[in-house]
PDB file of N, CA and C in Angstrom:
ATOM      1  N   MET A   1     -35.268  25.000 -48.440  1.00  0.00           N
ATOM      2  CA  MET A   1     -36.660  24.624 -48.391  1.00  0.00           C
ATOM      3  C   MET A   1     -37.510  25.893 -48.514  1.00  0.00           C
ATOM      4  N   SER A   2     -38.520  25.851 -49.342  1.00  0.00           N
ATOM      5  CA  SER A   2     -39.401  26.987 -49.552  1.00  0.00           C
ATOM      6  C   SER A   2     -40.335  27.176 -48.361  1.00  0.00           C
ATOM      7  N   PHE A   3     -40.477  28.436 -47.942  1.00  0.00           N
ATOM      8  CA  PHE A   3     -41.311  28.796 -46.797  1.00  0.00           C
ATOM      9  C   PHE A   3     -42.587  29.456 -47.311  1.00  0.00           C
ATOM     10  N   VAL A   4     -43.735  28.874 -46.951  1.00  0.00           N
ATOM     11  CA  VAL A   4     -45.041  29.396 -47.354  1.00  0.00           C
ATOM     12  C   VAL A   4     -45.803  29.788 -46.098  1.00  0.00           C
ATOM     13  N   LEU A   5     -46.337  30.990 -46.098  1.00  0.00           N
ATOM     14  CA  LEU A   5     -47.142  31.479 -44.992  1.00  0.00           C
ATOM     15  C   LEU A   5     -48.612  31.393 -45.395  1.00  0.00           C
ATOM     16  N   VAL A   6     -49.418  30.729 -44.583  1.00  0.00           N
ATOM     17  CA  VAL A   6     -50.845  30.578 -44.836  1.00  0.00           C
ATOM     18  C   VAL A   6     -51.587  31.383 -43.774  1.00  0.00           C
ATOM     19  N   ILE A   7     -52.381  32.354 -44.216  1.00  0.00           N
ATOM     20  CA  ILE A   7     -53.117  33.200 -43.282  1.00  0.00           C
ATOM     21  C   ILE A   7     -54.606  33.014 -43.511  1.00  0.00           C
ATOM     22  N   SER A   8     -55.274  32.565 -42.452  1.00  0.00           N
ATOM     23  CA  SER A   8     -56.720  32.381 -42.513  1.00  0.00           C
ATOM     24  C   SER A   8     -57.268  32.239 -41.107  1.00  0.00           C
ATOM     25  N   ARG A   9     -58.390  32.882 -40.843  1.00  0.00           N
ATOM     26  CA  ARG A   9     -59.062  32.703 -39.559  1.00  0.00           C
ATOM     27  C   ARG A   9     -59.810  31.371 -39.519  1.00  0.00           C
ATOM     28  N   ASP A  10     -60.007  30.769 -40.669  1.00  0.00           N
ATOM     29  CA  ASP A  10     -60.703  29.483 -40.770  1.00  0.00           C
ATOM     30  C   ASP A  10     -59.703  28.370 -40.439  1.00  0.00           C
ATOM     31  N   THR A  11     -59.843  27.790 -39.261  1.00  0.00           N
ATOM     32  CA  THR A  11     -58.908  26.765 -38.790  1.00  0.00           C
ATOM     33  C   THR A  11     -58.834  25.581 -39.733  1.00  0.00           C
ATOM     34  N   ASN A  12     -59.973  25.117 -40.231  1.00  0.00           N
ATOM     35  CA  ASN A  12     -59.975  23.957 -41.126  1.00  0.00           C
ATOM     36  C   ASN A  12     -59.241  24.252 -42.426  1.00  0.00           C
ATOM     37  N   PHE A  13     -59.464  25.428 -43.004  1.00  0.00           N
ATOM     38  CA  PHE A  13     -58.781  25.780 -44.247  1.00  0.00           C
ATOM     39  C   PHE A  13     -57.280  25.919 -44.014  1.00  0.00           C
ATOM     40  N   ARG A  14     -56.909  26.565 -42.926  1.00  0.00           N
ATOM     41  CA  ARG A  14     -55.492  26.749 -42.610  1.00  0.00           C
ATOM     42  C   ARG A  14     -54.805  25.393 -42.468  1.00  0.00           C
ATOM     43  N   LYS A  15     -55.425  24.480 -41.736  1.00  0.00           N
ATOM     44  CA  LYS A  15     -54.862  23.135 -41.560  1.00  0.00           C
ATOM     45  C   LYS A  15     -54.789  22.393 -42.892  1.00  0.00           C
ATOM     46  N   PHE A  16     -55.833  22.508 -43.706  1.00  0.00           N
ATOM     47  CA  PHE A  16     -55.860  21.881 -45.032  1.00  0.00           C
ATOM     48  C   PHE A  16     -54.653  22.336 -45.857  1.00  0.00           C
ATOM     49  N   CYS A  17     -54.418  23.625 -45.920  1.00  0.00           N
ATOM     50  CA  CYS A  17     -53.295  24.153 -46.715  1.00  0.00           C
ATOM     51  C   CYS A  17     -51.954  23.732 -46.138  1.00  0.00           C
ATOM     52  N   VAL A  18     -51.766  23.960 -44.850  1.00  0.00           N
ATOM     53  CA  VAL A  18     -50.479  23.653 -44.229  1.00  0.00           C
ATOM     54  C   VAL A  18     -50.167  22.170 -44.366  1.00  0.00           C
ATOM     55  N   ASP A  19     -51.122  21.304 -44.061  1.00  0.00           N
ATOM     56  CA  ASP A  19     -50.887  19.857 -44.155  1.00  0.00           C
ATOM     57  C   ASP A  19     -50.531  19.436 -45.582  1.00  0.00           C
ATOM     58  N   ASN A  20     -51.243  19.974 -46.567  1.00  0.00           N
ATOM     59  CA  ASN A  20     -50.965  19.615 -47.957  1.00  0.00           C
ATOM     60  C   ASN A  20     -49.598  20.116 -48.420  1.00  0.00           C
ATOM     61  N   LEU A  21     -49.180  21.254 -47.944  1.00  0.00           N
ATOM     62  CA  LEU A  21     -47.868  21.779 -48.317  1.00  0.00           C
ATOM     63  C   LEU A  21     -46.744  21.008 -47.619  1.00  0.00           C
ATOM     64  N   VAL A  22     -46.921  20.721 -46.350  1.00  0.00           N
ATOM     65  CA  VAL A  22     -45.893  20.009 -45.590  1.00  0.00           C
ATOM     66  C   VAL A  22     -45.666  18.612 -46.163  1.00  0.00           C
ATOM     67  N   VAL A  23     -46.736  17.904 -46.495  1.00  0.00           N
ATOM     68  CA  VAL A  23     -46.584  16.549 -47.039  1.00  0.00           C
ATOM     69  C   VAL A  23     -45.854  16.574 -48.388  1.00  0.00           C
ATOM     70  N   ARG A  24     -45.864  17.705 -49.060  1.00  0.00           N
ATOM     71  CA  ARG A  24     -45.155  17.842 -50.333  1.00  0.00           C
ATOM     72  C   ARG A  24     -43.750  18.423 -50.159  1.00  0.00           C
ATOM     73  N   GLY A  25     -43.324  18.597 -48.905  1.00  0.00           N
ATOM     74  CA  GLY A  25     -41.949  18.997 -48.630  1.00  0.00           C
ATOM     75  C   GLY A  25     -41.714  20.478 -48.435  1.00  0.00           C
ATOM     76  N   TYR A  26     -42.773  21.271 -48.379  1.00  0.00           N
ATOM     77  CA  TYR A  26     -42.614  22.707 -48.128  1.00  0.00           C
ATOM     78  C   TYR A  26     -42.637  22.972 -46.633  1.00  0.00           C
ATOM     79  N   LEU A  27     -42.005  24.036 -46.221  1.00  0.00           N
ATOM     80  CA  LEU A  27     -42.131  24.521 -44.856  1.00  0.00           C
ATOM     81  C   LEU A  27     -43.318  25.473 -44.872  1.00  0.00           C
ATOM     82  N   ALA A  28     -44.373  25.130 -44.175  1.00  0.00           N
ATOM     83  CA  ALA A  28     -45.589  25.942 -44.170  1.00  0.00           C
ATOM     84  C   ALA A  28     -45.980  26.278 -42.743  1.00  0.00           C
ATOM     85  N   VAL A  29     -46.343  27.526 -42.536  1.00  0.00           N
ATOM     86  CA  VAL A  29     -46.776  27.999 -41.227  1.00  0.00           C
ATOM     87  C   VAL A  29     -48.145  28.630 -41.397  1.00  0.00           C
ATOM     88  N   GLY A  30     -49.071  28.277 -40.522  1.00  0.00           N
ATOM     89  CA  GLY A  30     -50.410  28.839 -40.563  1.00  0.00           C
ATOM     90  C   GLY A  30     -50.623  29.842 -39.447  1.00  0.00           C
ATOM     91  N   LEU A  31     -51.214  30.974 -39.795  1.00  0.00           N
ATOM     92  CA  LEU A  31     -51.521  32.035 -38.833  1.00  0.00           C
ATOM     93  C   LEU A  31     -52.961  32.501 -39.028  1.00  0.00           C
ATOM     94  N   THR A  32     -53.516  33.112 -37.986  1.00  0.00           N
ATOM     95  CA  THR A  32     -54.884  33.603 -38.098  1.00  0.00           C
ATOM     96  C   THR A  32     -54.971  34.982 -38.724  1.00  0.00           C
ATOM     97  N   SER A  33     -53.891  35.764 -38.669  1.00  0.00           N
ATOM     98  CA  SER A  33     -53.927  37.117 -39.236  1.00  0.00           C
ATOM     99  C   SER A  33     -52.518  37.606 -39.546  1.00  0.00           C
ATOM    100  N   ALA A  34     -52.458  38.652 -40.352  1.00  0.00           N
ATOM    101  CA  ALA A  34     -51.158  39.250 -40.687  1.00  0.00           C
ATOM    102  C   ALA A  34     -50.505  39.838 -39.453  1.00  0.00           C
ATOM    103  N   ILE A  35     -51.288  40.412 -38.577  1.00  0.00           N
ATOM    104  CA  ILE A  35     -50.733  41.014 -37.368  1.00  0.00           C
ATOM    105  C   ILE A  35     -50.074  39.946 -36.502  1.00  0.00           C
ATOM    106  N   GLU A  36     -50.684  38.770 -36.409  1.00  0.00           N
ATOM    107  CA  GLU A  36     -50.104  37.673 -35.641  1.00  0.00           C
ATOM    108  C   GLU A  36     -48.727  37.295 -36.195  1.00  0.00           C
ATOM    109  N   GLY A  37     -48.519  37.479 -37.477  1.00  0.00           N
ATOM    110  CA  GLY A  37     -47.283  37.084 -38.109  1.00  0.00           C
ATOM    111  C   GLY A  37     -46.161  38.100 -38.074  1.00  0.00           C
ATOM    112  N   GLN A  38     -46.398  39.278 -37.527  1.00  0.00           N
ATOM    113  CA  GLN A  38     -45.363  40.311 -37.584  1.00  0.00           C
ATOM    114  C   GLN A  38     -44.067  39.904 -36.894  1.00  0.00           C
ATOM    115  N   LYS A  39     -44.136  39.255 -35.740  1.00  0.00           N
ATOM    116  CA  LYS A  39     -42.913  38.805 -35.059  1.00  0.00           C
ATOM    117  C   LYS A  39     -42.179  37.761 -35.903  1.00  0.00           C
ATOM    118  N   LEU A  40     -42.931  36.836 -36.472  1.00  0.00           N
ATOM    119  CA  LEU A  40     -42.335  35.814 -37.338  1.00  0.00           C
ATOM    120  C   LEU A  40     -41.647  36.460 -38.532  1.00  0.00           C
ATOM    121  N   LEU A  41     -42.291  37.462 -39.121  1.00  0.00           N
ATOM    122  CA  LEU A  41     -41.764  38.098 -40.321  1.00  0.00           C
ATOM    123  C   LEU A  41     -40.547  38.981 -40.054  1.00  0.00           C
ATOM    124  N   GLU A  42     -40.290  39.308 -38.806  1.00  0.00           N
ATOM    125  CA  GLU A  42     -39.076  40.054 -38.474  1.00  0.00           C
ATOM    126  C   GLU A  42     -37.836  39.188 -38.662  1.00  0.00           C
ATOM    127  N   ASN A  43     -37.993  37.876 -38.537  1.00  0.00           N
ATOM    128  CA  ASN A  43     -36.858  36.955 -38.605  1.00  0.00           C
ATOM    129  C   ASN A  43     -36.806  36.106 -39.859  1.00  0.00           C
ATOM    130  N   SER A  44     -37.880  36.091 -40.624  1.00  0.00           N
ATOM    131  CA  SER A  44     -37.962  35.173 -41.741  1.00  0.00           C
ATOM    132  C   SER A  44     -38.934  35.716 -42.782  1.00  0.00           C
ATOM    133  N   THR A  45     -38.560  35.611 -44.044  1.00  0.00           N
ATOM    134  CA  THR A  45     -39.423  36.097 -45.113  1.00  0.00           C
ATOM    135  C   THR A  45     -39.916  34.918 -45.946  1.00  0.00           C
ATOM    136  N   PRO A  46     -41.233  34.770 -46.061  1.00  0.00           N
ATOM    137  CA  PRO A  46     -41.759  33.667 -46.870  1.00  0.00           C
ATOM    138  C   PRO A  46     -41.536  33.920 -48.357  1.00  0.00           C
ATOM    139  N   GLN A  47     -41.471  32.853 -49.128  1.00  0.00           N
ATOM    140  CA  GLN A  47     -41.386  32.987 -50.579  1.00  0.00           C
ATOM    141  C   GLN A  47     -42.774  33.211 -51.173  1.00  0.00           C
ATOM    142  N   LEU A  48     -43.807  32.874 -50.403  1.00  0.00           N
ATOM    143  CA  LEU A  48     -45.181  32.994 -50.885  1.00  0.00           C
ATOM    144  C   LEU A  48     -46.119  33.098 -49.695  1.00  0.00           C
ATOM    145  N   VAL A  49     -47.201  33.874 -49.864  1.00  0.00           N
ATOM    146  CA  VAL A  49     -48.252  33.977 -48.847  1.00  0.00           C
ATOM    147  C   VAL A  49     -49.561  33.538 -49.482  1.00  0.00           C
ATOM    148  N   ILE A  50     -50.281  32.672 -48.794  1.00  0.00           N
ATOM    149  CA  ILE A  50     -51.630  32.282 -49.198  1.00  0.00           C
ATOM    150  C   ILE A  50     -52.572  32.929 -48.197  1.00  0.00           C
ATOM    151  N   LEU A  51     -53.483  33.736 -48.697  1.00  0.00           N
ATOM    152  CA  LEU A  51     -54.382  34.501 -47.828  1.00  0.00           C
ATOM    153  C   LEU A  51     -55.824  34.149 -48.144  1.00  0.00           C
ATOM    154  N   TYR A  52     -56.528  33.663 -47.134  1.00  0.00           N
ATOM    155  CA  TYR A  52     -57.958  33.410 -47.274  1.00  0.00           C
ATOM    156  C   TYR A  52     -58.666  34.032 -46.086  1.00  0.00           C
ATOM    157  N   CYS A  53     -59.535  34.969 -46.362  1.00  0.00           N
ATOM    158  CA  CYS A  53     -60.351  35.541 -45.303  1.00  0.00           C
ATOM    159  C   CYS A  53     -61.630  36.094 -45.914  1.00  0.00           C
ATOM    160  N   VAL A  54     -62.594  36.371 -45.049  1.00  0.00           N
ATOM    161  CA  VAL A  54     -63.879  36.858 -45.538  1.00  0.00           C
ATOM    162  C   VAL A  54     -63.700  38.192 -46.257  1.00  0.00           C
ATOM    163  N   ALA A  55     -64.580  38.452 -47.190  1.00  0.00           N
ATOM    164  CA  ALA A  55     -64.430  39.581 -48.106  1.00  0.00           C
ATOM    165  C   ALA A  55     -64.179  40.914 -47.411  1.00  0.00           C
ATOM    166  N   GLU A  56     -64.846  41.170 -46.324  1.00  0.00           N
ATOM    167  CA  GLU A  56     -64.670  42.480 -45.688  1.00  0.00           C
ATOM    168  C   GLU A  56     -63.342  42.613 -44.955  1.00  0.00           C
ATOM    169  N   ARG A  57     -62.567  41.523 -44.815  1.00  0.00           N
ATOM    170  CA  ARG A  57     -61.300  41.576 -44.095  1.00  0.00           C
ATOM    171  C   ARG A  57     -60.065  41.501 -44.983  1.00  0.00           C
ATOM    172  N   PHE A  58     -60.165  40.988 -46.194  1.00  0.00           N
ATOM    173  CA  PHE A  58     -58.932  40.712 -46.928  1.00  0.00           C
ATOM    174  C   PHE A  58     -58.162  41.984 -47.284  1.00  0.00           C
ATOM    175  N   LYS A  59     -58.846  43.081 -47.532  1.00  0.00           N
ATOM    176  CA  LYS A  59     -58.126  44.315 -47.873  1.00  0.00           C
ATOM    177  C   LYS A  59     -57.262  44.782 -46.707  1.00  0.00           C
ATOM    178  N   HIS A  60     -57.789  44.683 -45.500  1.00  0.00           N
ATOM    179  CA  HIS A  60     -57.011  45.053 -44.320  1.00  0.00           C
ATOM    180  C   HIS A  60     -55.806  44.123 -44.151  1.00  0.00           C
ATOM    181  N   GLU A  61     -56.019  42.828 -44.365  1.00  0.00           N
ATOM    182  CA  GLU A  61     -54.922  41.863 -44.235  1.00  0.00           C
ATOM    183  C   GLU A  61     -53.825  42.134 -45.270  1.00  0.00           C
ATOM    184  N   VAL A  62     -54.209  42.416 -46.500  1.00  0.00           N
ATOM    185  CA  VAL A  62     -53.215  42.723 -47.542  1.00  0.00           C
ATOM    186  C   VAL A  62     -52.456  43.987 -47.180  1.00  0.00           C
ATOM    187  N   TYR A  63     -53.165  44.986 -46.724  1.00  0.00           N
ATOM    188  CA  TYR A  63     -52.517  46.234 -46.304  1.00  0.00           C
ATOM    189  C   TYR A  63     -51.484  45.944 -45.209  1.00  0.00           C
ATOM    190  N   GLN A  64     -51.866  45.146 -44.207  1.00  0.00           N
ATOM    191  CA  GLN A  64     -50.932  44.796 -43.130  1.00  0.00           C
ATOM    192  C   GLN A  64     -49.712  44.056 -43.676  1.00  0.00           C
ATOM    193  N   LEU A  65     -49.927  43.106 -44.564  1.00  0.00           N
ATOM    194  CA  LEU A  65     -48.812  42.342 -45.130  1.00  0.00           C
ATOM    195  C   LEU A  65     -47.866  43.227 -45.926  1.00  0.00           C
ATOM    196  N   ARG A  66     -48.411  44.053 -46.781  1.00  0.00           N
ATOM    197  CA  ARG A  66     -47.580  44.887 -47.646  1.00  0.00           C
ATOM    198  C   ARG A  66     -46.806  45.951 -46.876  1.00  0.00           C
ATOM    199  N   ASN A  67     -47.260  46.276 -45.686  1.00  0.00           N
ATOM    200  CA  ASN A  67     -46.576  47.279 -44.883  1.00  0.00           C
ATOM    201  C   ASN A  67     -45.696  46.667 -43.804  1.00  0.00           C
ATOM    202  N   THR A  68     -45.504  45.363 -43.856  1.00  0.00           N
ATOM    203  CA  THR A  68     -44.609  44.678 -42.929  1.00  0.00           C
ATOM    204  C   THR A  68     -43.237  44.574 -43.576  1.00  0.00           C
ATOM    205  N   TYR A  69     -42.215  44.876 -42.813  1.00  0.00           N
ATOM    206  CA  TYR A  69     -40.855  44.845 -43.330  1.00  0.00           C
ATOM    207  C   TYR A  69     -40.544  43.505 -43.983  1.00  0.00           C
ATOM    208  N   GLY A  70     -39.996  43.550 -45.186  1.00  0.00           N
ATOM    209  CA  GLY A  70     -39.517  42.352 -45.857  1.00  0.00           C
ATOM    210  C   GLY A  70     -40.536  41.606 -46.684  1.00  0.00           C
ATOM    211  N   ILE A  71     -41.777  42.022 -46.661  1.00  0.00           N
ATOM    212  CA  ILE A  71     -42.788  41.261 -47.384  1.00  0.00           C
ATOM    213  C   ILE A  71     -43.488  42.122 -48.433  1.00  0.00           C
ATOM    214  N   SER A  72     -42.963  43.290 -48.700  1.00  0.00           N
ATOM    215  CA  SER A  72     -43.618  44.215 -49.628  1.00  0.00           C
ATOM    216  C   SER A  72     -43.709  43.673 -51.057  1.00  0.00           C
ATOM    217  N   THR A  73     -42.796  42.796 -51.444  1.00  0.00           N
ATOM    218  CA  THR A  73     -42.828  42.247 -52.805  1.00  0.00           C
ATOM    219  C   THR A  73     -43.092  40.745 -52.842  1.00  0.00           C
ATOM    220  N   THR A  74     -43.318  40.131 -51.699  1.00  0.00           N
ATOM    221  CA  THR A  74     -43.595  38.693 -51.650  1.00  0.00           C
ATOM    222  C   THR A  74     -44.917  38.405 -52.358  1.00  0.00           C
ATOM    223  N   PRO A  75     -44.950  37.423 -53.239  1.00  0.00           N
ATOM    224  CA  PRO A  75     -46.209  37.095 -53.918  1.00  0.00           C
ATOM    225  C   PRO A  75     -47.287  36.654 -52.925  1.00  0.00           C
ATOM    226  N   ILE A  76     -48.497  37.133 -53.163  1.00  0.00           N
ATOM    227  CA  ILE A  76     -49.652  36.749 -52.358  1.00  0.00           C
ATOM    228  C   ILE A  76     -50.665  36.094 -53.278  1.00  0.00           C
ATOM    229  N   ILE A  77     -51.154  34.932 -52.850  1.00  0.00           N
ATOM    230  CA  ILE A  77     -52.271  34.290 -53.535  1.00  0.00           C
ATOM    231  C   ILE A  77     -53.494  34.535 -52.666  1.00  0.00           C
ATOM    232  N   LEU A  78     -54.465  35.212 -53.216  1.00  0.00           N
ATOM    233  CA  LEU A  78     -55.703  35.515 -52.507  1.00  0.00           C
ATOM    234  C   LEU A  78     -56.741  34.462 -52.857  1.00  0.00           C
ATOM    235  N   ILE A  79     -57.334  33.888 -51.833  1.00  0.00           N
ATOM    236  CA  ILE A  79     -58.399  32.907 -52.042  1.00  0.00           C
ATOM    237  C   ILE A  79     -59.679  33.515 -51.506  1.00  0.00           C
ATOM    238  N   ASP A  80     -60.659  33.640 -52.380  1.00  0.00           N
ATOM    239  CA  ASP A  80     -61.898  34.314 -52.016  1.00  0.00           C
ATOM    240  C   ASP A  80     -63.054  33.713 -52.805  1.00  0.00           C
ATOM    241  N   ALA A  81     -64.211  33.660 -52.198  1.00  0.00           N
ATOM    242  CA  ALA A  81     -65.393  33.119 -52.870  1.00  0.00           C
ATOM    243  C   ALA A  81     -65.975  34.105 -53.876  1.00  0.00           C
ATOM    244  N   ASN A  82     -65.574  35.360 -53.789  1.00  0.00           N
ATOM    245  CA  ASN A  82     -66.098  36.401 -54.676  1.00  0.00           C
ATOM    246  C   ASN A  82     -65.020  36.896 -55.625  1.00  0.00           C
ATOM    247  N   SER A  83     -65.437  37.432 -56.746  1.00  0.00           N
ATOM    248  CA  SER A  83     -64.481  38.053 -57.664  1.00  0.00           C
ATOM    249  C   SER A  83     -64.009  39.367 -57.061  1.00  0.00           C
ATOM    250  N   VAL A  84     -62.725  39.618 -57.189  1.00  0.00           N
ATOM    251  CA  VAL A  84     -62.138  40.849 -56.662  1.00  0.00           C
ATOM    252  C   VAL A  84     -61.751  41.717 -57.848  1.00  0.00           C
ATOM    253  N   ASP A  85     -61.914  43.017 -57.693  1.00  0.00           N
ATOM    254  CA  ASP A  85     -61.600  43.975 -58.742  1.00  0.00           C
ATOM    255  C   ASP A  85     -60.150  43.792 -59.210  1.00  0.00           C
ATOM    256  N   PRO A  86     -59.938  43.499 -60.493  1.00  0.00           N
ATOM    257  CA  PRO A  86     -58.577  43.287 -61.010  1.00  0.00           C
ATOM    258  C   PRO A  86     -57.663  44.497 -60.795  1.00  0.00           C
ATOM    259  N   ASN A  87     -58.224  45.699 -60.828  1.00  0.00           N
ATOM    260  CA  ASN A  87     -57.409  46.892 -60.586  1.00  0.00           C
ATOM    261  C   ASN A  87     -56.880  46.909 -59.155  1.00  0.00           C
ATOM    262  N   TRP A  88     -57.726  46.486 -58.223  1.00  0.00           N
ATOM    263  CA  TRP A  88     -57.284  46.432 -56.830  1.00  0.00           C
ATOM    264  C   TRP A  88     -56.191  45.363 -56.674  1.00  0.00           C
ATOM    265  N   LEU A  89     -56.385  44.214 -57.307  1.00  0.00           N
ATOM    266  CA  LEU A  89     -55.369  43.156 -57.245  1.00  0.00           C
ATOM    267  C   LEU A  89     -54.032  43.653 -57.781  1.00  0.00           C
ATOM    268  N   ALA A  90     -54.064  44.361 -58.888  1.00  0.00           N
ATOM    269  CA  ALA A  90     -52.832  44.887 -59.488  1.00  0.00           C
ATOM    270  C   ALA A  90     -52.194  45.946 -58.594  1.00  0.00           C
ATOM    271  N   LYS A  91     -53.007  46.808 -58.009  1.00  0.00           N
ATOM    272  CA  LYS A  91     -52.488  47.873 -57.141  1.00  0.00           C
ATOM    273  C   LYS A  91     -51.683  47.301 -55.980  1.00  0.00           C
ATOM    274  N   TRP A  92     -52.157  46.209 -55.418  1.00  0.00           N
ATOM    275  CA  TRP A  92     -51.496  45.614 -54.264  1.00  0.00           C
ATOM    276  C   TRP A  92     -50.587  44.452 -54.650  1.00  0.00           C
ATOM    277  N   ASN A  93     -50.324  44.290 -55.929  1.00  0.00           N
ATOM    278  CA  ASN A  93     -49.400  43.263 -56.409  1.00  0.00           C
ATOM    279  C   ASN A  93     -49.789  41.867 -55.929  1.00  0.00           C
ATOM    280  N   ILE A  94     -51.075  41.538 -56.096  1.00  0.00           N
ATOM    281  CA  ILE A  94     -51.549  40.202 -55.765  1.00  0.00           C
ATOM    282  C   ILE A  94     -51.204  39.302 -56.945  1.00  0.00           C
ATOM    283  N   ALA A  95     -50.480  38.227 -56.677  1.00  0.00           N
ATOM    284  CA  ALA A  95     -49.979  37.369 -57.748  1.00  0.00           C
ATOM    285  C   ALA A  95     -51.098  36.617 -58.454  1.00  0.00           C
ATOM    286  N   SER A  96     -52.086  36.172 -57.693  1.00  0.00           N
ATOM    287  CA  SER A  96     -53.158  35.392 -58.289  1.00  0.00           C
ATOM    288  C   SER A  96     -54.333  35.339 -57.330  1.00  0.00           C
ATOM    289  N   GLN A  97     -55.497  35.008 -57.886  1.00  0.00           N
ATOM    290  CA  GLN A  97     -56.671  34.804 -57.063  1.00  0.00           C
ATOM    291  C   GLN A  97     -57.281  33.457 -57.412  1.00  0.00           C
ATOM    292  N   LEU A  98     -57.620  32.694 -56.388  1.00  0.00           N
ATOM    293  CA  LEU A  98     -58.315  31.429 -56.562  1.00  0.00           C
ATOM    294  C   LEU A  98     -59.692  31.543 -55.930  1.00  0.00           C
ATOM    295  N   ASP A  99     -60.641  30.832 -56.499  1.00  0.00           N
ATOM    296  CA  ASP A  99     -61.969  30.797 -55.906  1.00  0.00           C
ATOM    297  C   ASP A  99     -61.990  29.783 -54.773  1.00  0.00           C
ATOM    298  N   TYR A 100     -62.742  30.102 -53.754  1.00  0.00           N
ATOM    299  CA  TYR A 100     -62.959  29.172 -52.647  1.00  0.00           C
ATOM    300  C   TYR A 100     -64.253  28.431 -52.902  1.00  0.00           C
ATOM    301  N   PRO A 101     -64.376  27.139 -52.665  1.00  0.00           N
ATOM    302  CA  PRO A 101     -63.347  26.250 -52.129  1.00  0.00           C
ATOM    303  C   PRO A 101     -62.332  25.853 -53.191  1.00  0.00           C
ATOM    304  N   VAL A 102     -61.155  25.465 -52.755  1.00  0.00           N
ATOM    305  CA  VAL A 102     -60.071  25.083 -53.655  1.00  0.00           C
ATOM    306  C   VAL A 102     -59.601  23.678 -53.287  1.00  0.00           C
ATOM    307  N   ASP A 103     -59.270  22.890 -54.309  1.00  0.00           N
ATOM    308  CA  ASP A 103     -58.751  21.563 -53.986  1.00  0.00           C
ATOM    309  C   ASP A 103     -57.228  21.600 -53.911  1.00  0.00           C
ATOM    310  N   ALA A 104     -56.661  20.621 -53.231  1.00  0.00           N
ATOM    311  CA  ALA A 104     -55.223  20.605 -52.964  1.00  0.00           C
ATOM    312  C   ALA A 104     -54.396  20.590 -54.239  1.00  0.00           C
ATOM    313  N   ARG A 105     -54.830  19.848 -55.261  1.00  0.00           N
ATOM    314  CA  ARG A 105     -54.048  19.778 -56.505  1.00  0.00           C
ATOM    315  C   ARG A 105     -53.978  21.140 -57.179  1.00  0.00           C
ATOM    316  N   LYS A 106     -55.096  21.835 -57.230  1.00  0.00           N
ATOM    317  CA  LYS A 106     -55.118  23.156 -57.859  1.00  0.00           C
ATOM    318  C   LYS A 106     -54.216  24.132 -57.110  1.00  0.00           C
ATOM    319  N   LEU A 107     -54.264  24.059 -55.801  1.00  0.00           N
ATOM    320  CA  LEU A 107     -53.439  24.939 -54.986  1.00  0.00           C
ATOM    321  C   LEU A 107     -51.961  24.658 -55.204  1.00  0.00           C
ATOM    322  N   VAL A 108     -51.557  23.395 -55.146  1.00  0.00           N
ATOM    323  CA  VAL A 108     -50.144  23.038 -55.309  1.00  0.00           C
ATOM    324  C   VAL A 108     -49.665  23.364 -56.719  1.00  0.00           C
ATOM    325  N   ASN A 109     -50.491  23.120 -57.726  1.00  0.00           N
ATOM    326  CA  ASN A 109     -50.108  23.469 -59.100  1.00  0.00           C
ATOM    327  C   ASN A 109     -49.895  24.967 -59.253  1.00  0.00           C
ATOM    328  N   LEU A 110     -50.676  25.762 -58.560  1.00  0.00           N
ATOM    329  CA  LEU A 110     -50.542  27.213 -58.635  1.00  0.00           C
ATOM    330  C   LEU A 110     -49.220  27.705 -58.042  1.00  0.00           C
ATOM    331  N   LEU A 111     -48.637  26.954 -57.131  1.00  0.00           N
ATOM    332  CA  LEU A 111     -47.399  27.368 -56.472  1.00  0.00           C
ATOM    333  C   LEU A 111     -46.180  27.325 -57.378  1.00  0.00           C
ATOM    334  N   HIS A 112     -46.210  26.499 -58.404  1.00  0.00           N
ATOM    335  CA  HIS A 112     -45.013  26.244 -59.215  1.00  0.00           C
ATOM    336  C   HIS A 112     -44.315  27.480 -59.773  1.00  0.00           C
ATOM    337  N   PRO A 113     -45.009  28.530 -60.195  1.00  0.00           N
ATOM    338  CA  PRO A 113     -44.251  29.688 -60.690  1.00  0.00           C
ATOM    339  C   PRO A 113     -43.396  30.366 -59.614  1.00  0.00           C
ATOM    340  N   TRP A 114     -43.743  30.192 -58.353  1.00  0.00           N
ATOM    341  CA  TRP A 114     -43.038  30.910 -57.294  1.00  0.00           C
ATOM    342  C   TRP A 114     -42.141  30.034 -56.447  1.00  0.00           C
ATOM    343  N   LEU A 115     -42.411  28.739 -56.403  1.00  0.00           N
ATOM    344  CA  LEU A 115     -41.657  27.844 -55.536  1.00  0.00           C
ATOM    345  C   LEU A 115     -41.129  26.657 -56.320  1.00  0.00           C
ATOM    346  N   GLU A 116     -39.973  26.202 -55.919  1.00  0.00           N
ATOM    347  CA  GLU A 116     -39.425  24.995 -56.522  1.00  0.00           C
ATOM    348  C   GLU A 116     -40.206  23.794 -56.001  1.00  0.00           C
ATOM    349  N   PRO A 117     -40.502  22.824 -56.859  1.00  0.00           N
ATOM    350  CA  PRO A 117     -41.146  21.594 -56.362  1.00  0.00           C
ATOM    351  C   PRO A 117     -40.233  20.926 -55.335  1.00  0.00           C
ATOM    352  N   GLN A 118     -40.831  20.438 -54.274  1.00  0.00           N
ATOM    353  CA  GLN A 118     -40.080  19.817 -53.195  1.00  0.00           C
ATOM    354  C   GLN A 118     -40.253  18.314 -53.256  1.00  0.00           C
ATOM    355  N   GLN A 119     -39.339  17.601 -52.626  1.00  0.00           N
ATOM    356  CA  GLN A 119     -39.473  16.146 -52.525  1.00  0.00           C
ATOM    357  C   GLN A 119     -40.542  15.844 -51.503  1.00  0.00           C
ATOM    358  N   GLN A 120     -41.398  14.905 -51.812  1.00  0.00           N
ATOM    359  CA  GLN A 120     -42.426  14.514 -50.861  1.00  0.00           C
ATOM    360  C   GLN A 120     -41.789  13.718 -49.742  1.00  0.00           C
ATOM    361  N   LEU A 121     -42.338  13.936 -48.535  1.00  0.00           N
ATOM    362  CA  LEU A 121     -41.870  13.169 -47.380  1.00  0.00           C
ATOM    363  C   LEU A 121     -42.406  11.757 -47.469  1.00  0.00           C
ATOM    364  N   SER A 122     -41.595  10.785 -47.061  1.00  0.00           N
ATOM    365  CA  SER A 122     -42.091   9.407 -47.115  1.00  0.00           C
ATOM    366  C   SER A 122     -42.481   8.916 -45.753  1.00  0.00           C
TER     367      SER A 122
END
């Protein structure tokens, strides 16, 4: 089963992502920050990270993620209401950027290059 880590201080967005992924058969865990996830990441490496945070915080969160053991090459999807410098995205190996708000279909469709489609729970 594919493991997706969703990081966002926005409780509603985190729940939206986790619920939509779980109903589609993914194992999804929501956290408020990369630092909160360090203990989890010591024992388990996600196949994908979805990161949504306010513009002044996302660079710090990416830095924390990339410097955590085992997640240096894990794809990160950054969700932000603003355009982010493509050079910065490339420097930190950000797999993709989506604009906020995002609908569930667009988010799930974006996962396909990194995760195998899962069976939906009945």
